[in-house]
Amino acid sequence: MPKKIRLGILGGGGDSLIGVLHRVASHINDNYQITGAVFNPDYDANMAFAKEIDVPLDRIYKDFDTLVEEEMKLPEDERIQVCSILTPNFLHFPMAKKLLDNGFHVICEKPMTTTLEEAKILLEAQQKSGAVFALTHTYTGYPMVRQMREMIKAGALGKIHKVDAEILSRMDQ
């Protein structure tokens, strides 16, 4: 059996719903191992949460910059391979950019960025690095959404004229 993908997690600690979803998804096919993280900007809360979910503490970092700096010191076959960004929206771009610039693969919770210009910069960084950049749309995995999709495909709802969907979040968070 191949080794598991070494996963880093940024954000998603405490009572974060999206954090739970990403951790569950990472275990579905047993392909990932949480290797390092910054779950919370408060270091004590960060460490307490890592203990709570039984993640080894030796690579729980005080902040994002320290995670990148310390991981880059490790041999490539030991360092985190991919990071999930589960932080407030305004942090997605700077974190993803720095990760790509340092050769990490990225799994980013939506929104990817808060501006088109940032998206273009990320595209350029991704192309330069050759790393994978994945943007999650977690709702597609919800049973209710899957059921709706199947009902539409089967014609059980008749002809769909309009779908109105939105995510309620502030861009400055």
N, C-alpha and C. Protein backbone atom coordinates (compact mmCIF):
# COMPACT_ATOMS: atom_id res chain seq x y z
N MET A 1 0.85 -1.19 0.00
CA MET A 1 0.00 0.00 0.00
C MET A 1 0.89 1.25 0.00
N PRO A 2 0.59 2.23 -0.86
CA PRO A 2 1.41 3.44 -0.90
C PRO A 2 1.28 4.23 0.40
N LYS A 3 2.29 5.04 0.67
CA LYS A 3 2.24 5.89 1.85
C LYS A 3 1.11 6.90 1.72
N LYS A 4 0.60 7.32 2.86
CA LYS A 4 -0.45 8.33 2.86
C LYS A 4 0.12 9.69 2.49
N ILE A 5 -0.73 10.53 1.93
CA ILE A 5 -0.36 11.90 1.60
C ILE A 5 -0.28 12.69 2.90
N ARG A 6 0.82 13.40 3.08
CA ARG A 6 1.04 14.17 4.30
C ARG A 6 0.28 15.50 4.20
N LEU A 7 -0.72 15.67 5.03
CA LEU A 7 -1.66 16.79 4.98
C LEU A 7 -1.37 17.79 6.09
N GLY A 8 -1.34 19.07 5.72
CA GLY A 8 -1.31 20.15 6.69
C GLY A 8 -2.66 20.83 6.70
N ILE A 9 -3.06 21.32 7.85
CA ILE A 9 -4.35 22.00 7.95
C ILE A 9 -4.14 23.39 8.55
N LEU A 10 -4.71 24.37 7.87
CA LEU A 10 -4.66 25.76 8.32
C LEU A 10 -6.07 26.20 8.67
N GLY A 11 -6.32 26.46 9.95
CA GLY A 11 -7.66 26.80 10.41
C GLY A 11 -8.44 25.53 10.69
N GLY A 12 -9.75 25.68 10.81
CA GLY A 12 -10.61 24.52 10.98
C GLY A 12 -10.59 23.89 12.36
N GLY A 13 -10.10 24.60 13.35
CA GLY A 13 -10.05 24.05 14.70
C GLY A 13 -11.31 24.33 15.49
N GLY A 14 -11.31 23.89 16.71
CA GLY A 14 -12.44 24.15 17.62
C GLY A 14 -13.74 23.63 17.08
N ASP A 15 -14.74 24.49 17.07
CA ASP A 15 -16.08 24.06 16.64
C ASP A 15 -16.34 24.37 15.16
N SER A 16 -15.29 24.50 14.37
CA SER A 16 -15.42 24.80 12.95
C SER A 16 -16.08 23.64 12.20
N LEU A 17 -17.24 23.89 11.61
CA LEU A 17 -17.93 22.87 10.82
C LEU A 17 -17.10 22.47 9.61
N ILE A 18 -16.51 23.44 8.93
CA ILE A 18 -15.76 23.13 7.73
C ILE A 18 -14.52 22.32 8.08
N GLY A 19 -13.94 22.56 9.24
CA GLY A 19 -12.79 21.77 9.68
C GLY A 19 -13.15 20.31 9.84
N VAL A 20 -14.29 20.05 10.46
CA VAL A 20 -14.76 18.67 10.63
C VAL A 20 -14.95 18.01 9.27
N LEU A 21 -15.59 18.73 8.35
CA LEU A 21 -15.86 18.17 7.02
C LEU A 21 -14.57 17.81 6.29
N HIS A 22 -13.59 18.68 6.36
CA HIS A 22 -12.32 18.39 5.68
C HIS A 22 -11.57 17.24 6.33
N ARG A 23 -11.61 17.17 7.66
CA ARG A 23 -10.94 16.04 8.33
C ARG A 23 -11.63 14.73 7.99
N VAL A 24 -12.94 14.72 7.97
CA VAL A 24 -13.68 13.51 7.60
C VAL A 24 -13.36 13.13 6.15
N ALA A 25 -13.39 14.10 5.25
CA ALA A 25 -13.10 13.83 3.84
C ALA A 25 -11.69 13.27 3.67
N SER A 26 -10.75 13.75 4.47
CA SER A 26 -9.37 13.27 4.33
C SER A 26 -9.23 11.82 4.77
N HIS A 27 -10.18 11.33 5.53
CA HIS A 27 -10.11 9.95 6.02
C HIS A 27 -10.98 8.97 5.22
N ILE A 28 -11.82 9.47 4.33
CA ILE A 28 -12.78 8.61 3.64
C ILE A 28 -12.11 7.44 2.95
N ASN A 29 -11.09 7.68 2.16
CA ASN A 29 -10.40 6.59 1.46
C ASN A 29 -9.07 6.24 2.11
N ASP A 30 -8.84 6.76 3.30
CA ASP A 30 -7.63 6.48 4.06
C ASP A 30 -6.37 6.86 3.28
N ASN A 31 -6.43 7.98 2.53
CA ASN A 31 -5.30 8.41 1.71
C ASN A 31 -4.43 9.48 2.36
N TYR A 32 -4.93 10.15 3.41
CA TYR A 32 -4.23 11.27 4.00
C TYR A 32 -3.89 11.00 5.46
N GLN A 33 -2.80 11.63 5.91
CA GLN A 33 -2.42 11.62 7.31
C GLN A 33 -2.16 13.07 7.71
N ILE A 34 -2.89 13.56 8.72
CA ILE A 34 -2.64 14.92 9.19
C ILE A 34 -1.25 14.93 9.82
N THR A 35 -0.36 15.71 9.21
CA THR A 35 1.05 15.71 9.58
C THR A 35 1.43 16.96 10.36
N GLY A 36 0.80 18.07 10.05
CA GLY A 36 1.10 19.33 10.71
C GLY A 36 -0.08 20.27 10.58
N ALA A 37 -0.10 21.30 11.43
CA ALA A 37 -1.26 22.18 11.39
C ALA A 37 -1.04 23.46 12.17
N VAL A 38 -1.89 24.41 11.85
CA VAL A 38 -2.16 25.59 12.66
C VAL A 38 -3.69 25.66 12.68
N PHE A 39 -4.29 25.06 13.67
CA PHE A 39 -5.76 25.00 13.75
C PHE A 39 -6.36 26.31 14.23
N ASN A 40 -5.59 27.06 15.02
CA ASN A 40 -6.13 28.23 15.70
C ASN A 40 -5.01 29.25 15.87
N PRO A 41 -5.29 30.54 15.74
CA PRO A 41 -4.23 31.54 15.93
C PRO A 41 -3.75 31.63 17.38
N ASP A 42 -4.54 31.16 18.32
CA ASP A 42 -4.13 31.12 19.72
C ASP A 42 -3.37 29.80 19.94
N TYR A 43 -2.08 29.89 20.24
CA TYR A 43 -1.25 28.69 20.29
C TYR A 43 -1.73 27.66 21.32
N ASP A 44 -2.17 28.11 22.50
CA ASP A 44 -2.66 27.17 23.51
C ASP A 44 -3.91 26.44 23.01
N ALA A 45 -4.82 27.18 22.38
CA ALA A 45 -6.03 26.56 21.82
C ALA A 45 -5.65 25.62 20.68
N ASN A 46 -4.68 26.01 19.90
CA ASN A 46 -4.17 25.20 18.79
C ASN A 46 -3.67 23.85 19.32
N MET A 47 -2.83 23.88 20.34
CA MET A 47 -2.27 22.66 20.92
C MET A 47 -3.37 21.81 21.59
N ALA A 48 -4.26 22.46 22.30
CA ALA A 48 -5.35 21.73 22.97
C ALA A 48 -6.22 21.01 21.95
N PHE A 49 -6.51 21.68 20.82
CA PHE A 49 -7.33 21.05 19.80
C PHE A 49 -6.61 19.87 19.17
N ALA A 50 -5.33 20.02 18.90
CA ALA A 50 -4.54 18.91 18.33
C ALA A 50 -4.58 17.70 19.26
N LYS A 51 -4.46 17.94 20.56
CA LYS A 51 -4.55 16.84 21.54
C LYS A 51 -5.93 16.20 21.50
N GLU A 52 -6.95 17.06 21.42
CA GLU A 52 -8.34 16.58 21.41
C GLU A 52 -8.63 15.64 20.25
N ILE A 53 -8.07 15.94 19.08
CA ILE A 53 -8.34 15.08 17.91
C ILE A 53 -7.19 14.10 17.64
N ASP A 54 -6.26 14.01 18.60
CA ASP A 54 -5.18 13.02 18.57
C ASP A 54 -4.24 13.19 17.39
N VAL A 55 -3.83 14.43 17.14
CA VAL A 55 -2.82 14.73 16.13
C VAL A 55 -1.50 14.93 16.88
N PRO A 56 -0.42 14.30 16.42
CA PRO A 56 0.88 14.48 17.10
C PRO A 56 1.24 15.97 17.22
N LEU A 57 1.81 16.34 18.36
CA LEU A 57 2.05 17.75 18.67
C LEU A 57 3.36 18.30 18.12
N ASP A 58 4.25 17.46 17.65
CA ASP A 58 5.58 17.92 17.25
C ASP A 58 5.56 18.82 16.02
N ARG A 59 4.46 18.81 15.26
CA ARG A 59 4.38 19.67 14.08
C ARG A 59 3.11 20.53 14.10
N ILE A 60 2.72 20.90 15.28
CA ILE A 60 1.65 21.89 15.44
C ILE A 60 2.39 23.21 15.64
N TYR A 61 2.16 24.14 14.73
CA TYR A 61 2.96 25.36 14.68
C TYR A 61 2.22 26.55 15.27
N LYS A 62 3.00 27.56 15.70
CA LYS A 62 2.40 28.74 16.33
C LYS A 62 1.67 29.62 15.33
N ASP A 63 2.11 29.58 14.04
CA ASP A 63 1.45 30.39 13.02
C ASP A 63 1.80 29.85 11.64
N PHE A 64 1.15 30.39 10.65
CA PHE A 64 1.31 29.94 9.26
C PHE A 64 2.75 30.11 8.76
N ASP A 65 3.34 31.26 9.00
CA ASP A 65 4.70 31.50 8.51
C ASP A 65 5.69 30.50 9.11
N THR A 66 5.50 30.18 10.38
CA THR A 66 6.37 29.20 11.03
C THR A 66 6.17 27.82 10.42
N LEU A 67 4.93 27.45 10.11
CA LEU A 67 4.66 26.17 9.47
C LEU A 67 5.46 26.06 8.17
N VAL A 68 5.35 27.06 7.31
CA VAL A 68 6.05 27.01 6.03
C VAL A 68 7.56 26.97 6.25
N GLU A 69 8.06 27.84 7.10
CA GLU A 69 9.50 27.92 7.35
C GLU A 69 10.05 26.59 7.88
N GLU A 70 9.40 26.01 8.87
CA GLU A 70 9.89 24.77 9.48
C GLU A 70 9.73 23.56 8.55
N GLU A 71 8.64 23.52 7.83
CA GLU A 71 8.42 22.41 6.89
C GLU A 71 9.46 22.43 5.77
N MET A 72 9.85 23.61 5.33
CA MET A 72 10.84 23.73 4.25
C MET A 72 12.23 23.28 4.69
N LYS A 73 12.47 23.23 5.99
CA LYS A 73 13.75 22.74 6.52
C LYS A 73 13.84 21.21 6.49
N LEU A 74 12.69 20.55 6.39
CA LEU A 74 12.65 19.09 6.42
C LEU A 74 12.99 18.50 5.06
N PRO A 75 13.49 17.26 5.04
CA PRO A 75 13.67 16.60 3.74
C PRO A 75 12.32 16.50 3.03
N GLU A 76 12.33 16.59 1.72
CA GLU A 76 11.10 16.61 0.94
C GLU A 76 10.21 15.40 1.22
N ASP A 77 10.80 14.25 1.48
CA ASP A 77 10.00 13.05 1.71
C ASP A 77 9.40 12.99 3.12
N GLU A 78 9.63 14.03 3.93
CA GLU A 78 9.04 14.10 5.27
C GLU A 78 8.07 15.26 5.42
N ARG A 79 8.25 16.30 4.62
CA ARG A 79 7.45 17.52 4.82
C ARG A 79 6.00 17.33 4.35
N ILE A 80 5.17 18.23 4.81
CA ILE A 80 3.77 18.27 4.38
C ILE A 80 3.76 18.38 2.86
N GLN A 81 2.88 17.61 2.21
CA GLN A 81 2.77 17.66 0.75
C GLN A 81 1.68 18.61 0.29
N VAL A 82 0.58 18.63 1.03
CA VAL A 82 -0.58 19.44 0.64
C VAL A 82 -1.16 20.09 1.89
N CYS A 83 -1.61 21.33 1.75
CA CYS A 83 -2.25 22.04 2.87
C CYS A 83 -3.69 22.38 2.53
N SER A 84 -4.57 22.12 3.48
CA SER A 84 -5.96 22.56 3.37
C SER A 84 -6.08 23.92 4.04
N ILE A 85 -6.60 24.89 3.30
CA ILE A 85 -6.80 26.25 3.83
C ILE A 85 -8.26 26.39 4.24
N LEU A 86 -8.48 26.48 5.55
CA LEU A 86 -9.84 26.54 6.10
C LEU A 86 -10.00 27.78 6.98
N THR A 87 -9.29 28.81 6.65
CA THR A 87 -9.24 30.04 7.43
C THR A 87 -10.32 31.01 6.96
N PRO A 88 -10.45 32.15 7.63
CA PRO A 88 -11.36 33.19 7.11
C PRO A 88 -10.98 33.57 5.67
N ASN A 89 -11.97 33.95 4.91
CA ASN A 89 -11.83 34.19 3.47
C ASN A 89 -10.66 35.10 3.09
N PHE A 90 -10.44 36.17 3.82
CA PHE A 90 -9.41 37.13 3.42
C PHE A 90 -8.01 36.55 3.50
N LEU A 91 -7.84 35.42 4.17
CA LEU A 91 -6.52 34.78 4.29
C LEU A 91 -6.26 33.75 3.19
N HIS A 92 -7.28 33.36 2.45
CA HIS A 92 -7.11 32.31 1.44
C HIS A 92 -6.03 32.67 0.43
N PHE A 93 -6.11 33.86 -0.15
CA PHE A 93 -5.14 34.25 -1.18
C PHE A 93 -3.70 34.29 -0.67
N PRO A 94 -3.39 35.05 0.40
CA PRO A 94 -1.98 35.12 0.79
C PRO A 94 -1.41 33.77 1.21
N MET A 95 -2.23 32.95 1.85
CA MET A 95 -1.75 31.63 2.26
C MET A 95 -1.52 30.74 1.03
N ALA A 96 -2.47 30.70 0.13
CA ALA A 96 -2.34 29.86 -1.06
C ALA A 96 -1.13 30.29 -1.88
N LYS A 97 -0.93 31.59 -2.03
CA LYS A 97 0.20 32.10 -2.81
C LYS A 97 1.52 31.66 -2.20
N LYS A 98 1.67 31.81 -0.91
CA LYS A 98 2.92 31.44 -0.25
C LYS A 98 3.14 29.92 -0.33
N LEU A 99 2.08 29.15 -0.16
CA LEU A 99 2.21 27.70 -0.27
C LEU A 99 2.65 27.30 -1.67
N LEU A 100 2.00 27.83 -2.69
CA LEU A 100 2.37 27.52 -4.07
C LEU A 100 3.81 27.95 -4.36
N ASP A 101 4.17 29.13 -3.90
CA ASP A 101 5.53 29.63 -4.13
C ASP A 101 6.59 28.73 -3.50
N ASN A 102 6.19 27.97 -2.47
CA ASN A 102 7.11 27.07 -1.79
C ASN A 102 6.93 25.61 -2.19
N GLY A 103 6.12 25.38 -3.23
CA GLY A 103 6.00 24.04 -3.79
C GLY A 103 5.00 23.12 -3.14
N PHE A 104 4.17 23.64 -2.24
CA PHE A 104 3.14 22.82 -1.61
C PHE A 104 1.93 22.73 -2.54
N HIS A 105 1.26 21.60 -2.54
CA HIS A 105 -0.04 21.48 -3.18
C HIS A 105 -1.06 22.14 -2.24
N VAL A 106 -2.18 22.61 -2.79
CA VAL A 106 -3.14 23.37 -2.00
C VAL A 106 -4.55 22.82 -2.21
N ILE A 107 -5.26 22.65 -1.09
CA ILE A 107 -6.71 22.40 -1.11
C ILE A 107 -7.31 23.61 -0.41
N CYS A 108 -8.03 24.43 -1.16
CA CYS A 108 -8.53 25.70 -0.63
C CYS A 108 -10.05 25.67 -0.53
N GLU A 109 -10.53 26.01 0.63
CA GLU A 109 -11.97 26.18 0.80
C GLU A 109 -12.37 27.42 0.03
N LYS A 110 -13.59 27.43 -0.51
CA LYS A 110 -14.05 28.60 -1.26
C LYS A 110 -14.34 29.75 -0.31
N PRO A 111 -14.23 30.97 -0.74
CA PRO A 111 -13.80 31.41 -2.06
C PRO A 111 -12.27 31.33 -2.17
N MET A 112 -11.81 31.12 -3.38
CA MET A 112 -10.38 31.03 -3.64
C MET A 112 -9.69 32.35 -3.32
N THR A 113 -10.29 33.43 -3.75
CA THR A 113 -9.77 34.78 -3.52
C THR A 113 -10.96 35.71 -3.34
N THR A 114 -10.65 36.96 -3.07
CA THR A 114 -11.74 37.95 -2.97
C THR A 114 -11.76 38.91 -4.14
N THR A 115 -10.78 38.76 -5.07
CA THR A 115 -10.77 39.61 -6.27
C THR A 115 -10.31 38.79 -7.48
N LEU A 116 -10.66 39.26 -8.65
CA LEU A 116 -10.21 38.64 -9.88
C LEU A 116 -8.69 38.75 -10.01
N GLU A 117 -8.14 39.89 -9.66
CA GLU A 117 -6.68 40.08 -9.75
C GLU A 117 -5.94 39.05 -8.91
N GLU A 118 -6.41 38.79 -7.69
CA GLU A 118 -5.78 37.77 -6.85
C GLU A 118 -5.88 36.39 -7.51
N ALA A 119 -7.01 36.10 -8.13
CA ALA A 119 -7.18 34.81 -8.82
C ALA A 119 -6.16 34.66 -9.95
N LYS A 120 -5.94 35.73 -10.69
CA LYS A 120 -4.96 35.69 -11.77
C LYS A 120 -3.54 35.48 -11.23
N ILE A 121 -3.23 36.09 -10.12
CA ILE A 121 -1.92 35.92 -9.49
C ILE A 121 -1.75 34.48 -9.02
N LEU A 122 -2.80 33.90 -8.45
CA LEU A 122 -2.73 32.50 -8.01
C LEU A 122 -2.55 31.56 -9.20
N LEU A 123 -3.24 31.84 -10.29
CA LEU A 123 -3.09 31.01 -11.49
C LEU A 123 -1.64 31.02 -11.95
N GLU A 124 -1.06 32.20 -11.99
CA GLU A 124 0.34 32.33 -12.40
C GLU A 124 1.27 31.57 -11.44
N ALA A 125 1.03 31.69 -10.14
CA ALA A 125 1.85 30.99 -9.14
C ALA A 125 1.70 29.48 -9.27
N GLN A 126 0.48 29.02 -9.52
CA GLN A 126 0.23 27.59 -9.68
C GLN A 126 0.95 27.07 -10.92
N GLN A 127 0.84 27.79 -12.02
CA GLN A 127 1.48 27.36 -13.26
C GLN A 127 3.00 27.33 -13.10
N LYS A 128 3.55 28.30 -12.43
CA LYS A 128 5.00 28.37 -12.21
C LYS A 128 5.47 27.21 -11.33
N SER A 129 4.70 26.89 -10.28
CA SER A 129 5.11 25.84 -9.34
C SER A 129 4.83 24.44 -9.86
N GLY A 130 3.78 24.30 -10.68
CA GLY A 130 3.36 22.98 -11.13
C GLY A 130 2.60 22.21 -10.07
N ALA A 131 2.35 22.84 -8.93
CA ALA A 131 1.63 22.19 -7.83
C ALA A 131 0.14 22.12 -8.17
N VAL A 132 -0.53 21.20 -7.54
CA VAL A 132 -1.98 21.07 -7.69
C VAL A 132 -2.65 22.13 -6.82
N PHE A 133 -3.65 22.79 -7.38
CA PHE A 133 -4.48 23.72 -6.61
C PHE A 133 -5.91 23.23 -6.75
N ALA A 134 -6.50 22.82 -5.65
CA ALA A 134 -7.88 22.32 -5.66
C ALA A 134 -8.76 23.27 -4.85
N LEU A 135 -9.87 23.64 -5.44
CA LEU A 135 -10.85 24.49 -4.76
C LEU A 135 -12.04 23.62 -4.41
N THR A 136 -12.38 23.58 -3.13
CA THR A 136 -13.45 22.68 -2.70
C THR A 136 -14.82 23.35 -2.81
N HIS A 137 -15.77 22.53 -3.12
CA HIS A 137 -17.17 22.91 -3.12
C HIS A 137 -17.87 21.85 -2.27
N THR A 138 -17.68 21.97 -0.98
CA THR A 138 -18.06 20.94 -0.02
C THR A 138 -19.54 20.55 -0.13
N TYR A 139 -20.38 21.50 -0.47
CA TYR A 139 -21.81 21.21 -0.50
C TYR A 139 -22.17 20.10 -1.48
N THR A 140 -21.35 19.88 -2.51
CA THR A 140 -21.66 18.82 -3.48
C THR A 140 -21.64 17.44 -2.83
N GLY A 141 -21.01 17.31 -1.68
CA GLY A 141 -20.98 16.03 -0.99
C GLY A 141 -22.14 15.82 -0.02
N TYR A 142 -22.93 16.83 0.23
CA TYR A 142 -24.04 16.71 1.17
C TYR A 142 -25.11 15.78 0.60
N PRO A 143 -25.64 14.89 1.42
CA PRO A 143 -26.69 13.98 0.94
C PRO A 143 -27.89 14.70 0.32
N MET A 144 -28.28 15.83 0.89
CA MET A 144 -29.42 16.57 0.36
C MET A 144 -29.13 17.07 -1.06
N VAL A 145 -27.92 17.54 -1.30
CA VAL A 145 -27.56 18.04 -2.62
C VAL A 145 -27.48 16.87 -3.61
N ARG A 146 -26.92 15.77 -3.17
CA ARG A 146 -26.83 14.59 -4.05
C ARG A 146 -28.24 14.08 -4.40
N GLN A 147 -29.13 14.08 -3.42
CA GLN A 147 -30.51 13.65 -3.67
C GLN A 147 -31.18 14.58 -4.68
N MET A 148 -30.98 15.89 -4.51
CA MET A 148 -31.57 16.85 -5.44
C MET A 148 -31.03 16.61 -6.85
N ARG A 149 -29.74 16.37 -6.97
CA ARG A 149 -29.14 16.11 -8.28
C ARG A 149 -29.79 14.90 -8.95
N GLU A 150 -29.96 13.83 -8.18
CA GLU A 150 -30.55 12.61 -8.74
C GLU A 150 -32.01 12.84 -9.14
N MET A 151 -32.74 13.61 -8.34
CA MET A 151 -34.14 13.91 -8.67
C MET A 151 -34.22 14.73 -9.95
N ILE A 152 -33.31 15.67 -10.13
CA ILE A 152 -33.29 16.47 -11.35
C ILE A 152 -32.96 15.60 -12.55
N LYS A 153 -31.92 14.76 -12.41
CA LYS A 153 -31.53 13.87 -13.51
C LYS A 153 -32.66 12.93 -13.91
N ALA A 154 -33.43 12.47 -12.92
CA ALA A 154 -34.53 11.54 -13.19
C ALA A 154 -35.78 12.24 -13.69
N GLY A 155 -35.79 13.56 -13.69
CA GLY A 155 -36.96 14.30 -14.14
C GLY A 155 -38.07 14.38 -13.11
N ALA A 156 -37.76 14.00 -11.86
CA ALA A 156 -38.77 13.97 -10.81
C ALA A 156 -39.29 15.35 -10.43
N LEU A 157 -38.54 16.40 -10.77
CA LEU A 157 -38.94 17.76 -10.41
C LEU A 157 -39.46 18.55 -11.60
N GLY A 158 -39.57 17.90 -12.74
CA GLY A 158 -40.02 18.61 -13.94
C GLY A 158 -38.88 19.44 -14.51
N LYS A 159 -39.22 20.34 -15.41
CA LYS A 159 -38.20 21.18 -16.04
C LYS A 159 -37.77 22.27 -15.06
N ILE A 160 -36.48 22.32 -14.81
CA ILE A 160 -35.93 23.32 -13.90
C ILE A 160 -35.73 24.62 -14.68
N HIS A 161 -36.33 25.69 -14.20
CA HIS A 161 -36.24 26.98 -14.87
C HIS A 161 -35.19 27.89 -14.22
N LYS A 162 -34.98 27.72 -12.94
CA LYS A 162 -34.05 28.60 -12.25
C LYS A 162 -33.56 27.91 -10.99
N VAL A 163 -32.28 28.09 -10.72
CA VAL A 163 -31.69 27.66 -9.45
C VAL A 163 -31.08 28.88 -8.82
N ASP A 164 -31.43 29.15 -7.59
CA ASP A 164 -30.89 30.29 -6.86
C ASP A 164 -30.15 29.74 -5.65
N ALA A 165 -28.84 29.90 -5.64
CA ALA A 165 -28.03 29.42 -4.52
C ALA A 165 -27.07 30.52 -4.11
N GLU A 166 -26.80 30.60 -2.83
CA GLU A 166 -25.86 31.59 -2.35
C GLU A 166 -25.19 31.09 -1.09
N ILE A 167 -24.01 31.63 -0.84
CA ILE A 167 -23.32 31.36 0.42
C ILE A 167 -23.34 32.66 1.20
N LEU A 168 -23.78 32.58 2.41
CA LEU A 168 -23.89 33.77 3.23
C LEU A 168 -22.59 33.93 4.03
N SER A 169 -21.72 34.78 3.52
CA SER A 169 -20.49 35.09 4.24
C SER A 169 -20.06 36.48 3.85
N ARG A 170 -19.27 37.07 4.71
CA ARG A 170 -18.75 38.40 4.41
C ARG A 170 -17.37 38.24 3.80
N MET A 171 -17.07 39.04 2.82
CA MET A 171 -15.79 38.98 2.13
C MET A 171 -14.62 39.39 3.02
N ASP A 172 -14.88 40.16 4.06
CA ASP A 172 -13.78 40.63 4.91
C ASP A 172 -13.49 39.69 6.07
N GLN A 173 -14.07 38.54 6.08
CA GLN A 173 -13.83 37.59 7.18
C GLN A 173 -12.83 36.57 6.78
